[in-house]
Amino acid sequence: MRIDEFDGLDQEAAQRAIRPALDIPRWIDEIVAARPYADREALLETARVAAHPLTDDEVDQALAHHPRIGDRAKGDSAEATLSRSEQSHVDPEDVEIQRRLREGNIAYEERFGHVFLI
């Protein structure tokens, strides 16, 4: 979607358009409220500022929507489609890679209390 198209959306459509990127209502509202954007850089700067800092509860909320690295998101939601695209280079048939990812995910979650997210 081009910036001018995003700027032209009504509030609810704009919120739906960016929700898959980071499902934090405050963040979404700040980005939508700051329209129109002069260019991509202005939008990205607004997103960066709105995300800094995220509260612990907001981080937990965002992480709850993401599968572990190596897991395939199910469903046809925008979030699931985006996740599958992000993880498209992880070979689900490679047993060794899947084992290592599973072990790494477990170790990370035990240490930090939430899924690893890039």
Foldseek 3Di string as FASTA:
>chain_A
DALVVLLPDPLVVNLLVCCLVAVDVQLSVQLNVPDDDPHPVRSVVSSVVSVVDDDPVSVVVRLVLADAQLDQQDDDRPNNVVNCVVNVPRDNPPPVSSVVSVVVQVVVCVVPVTGDDD
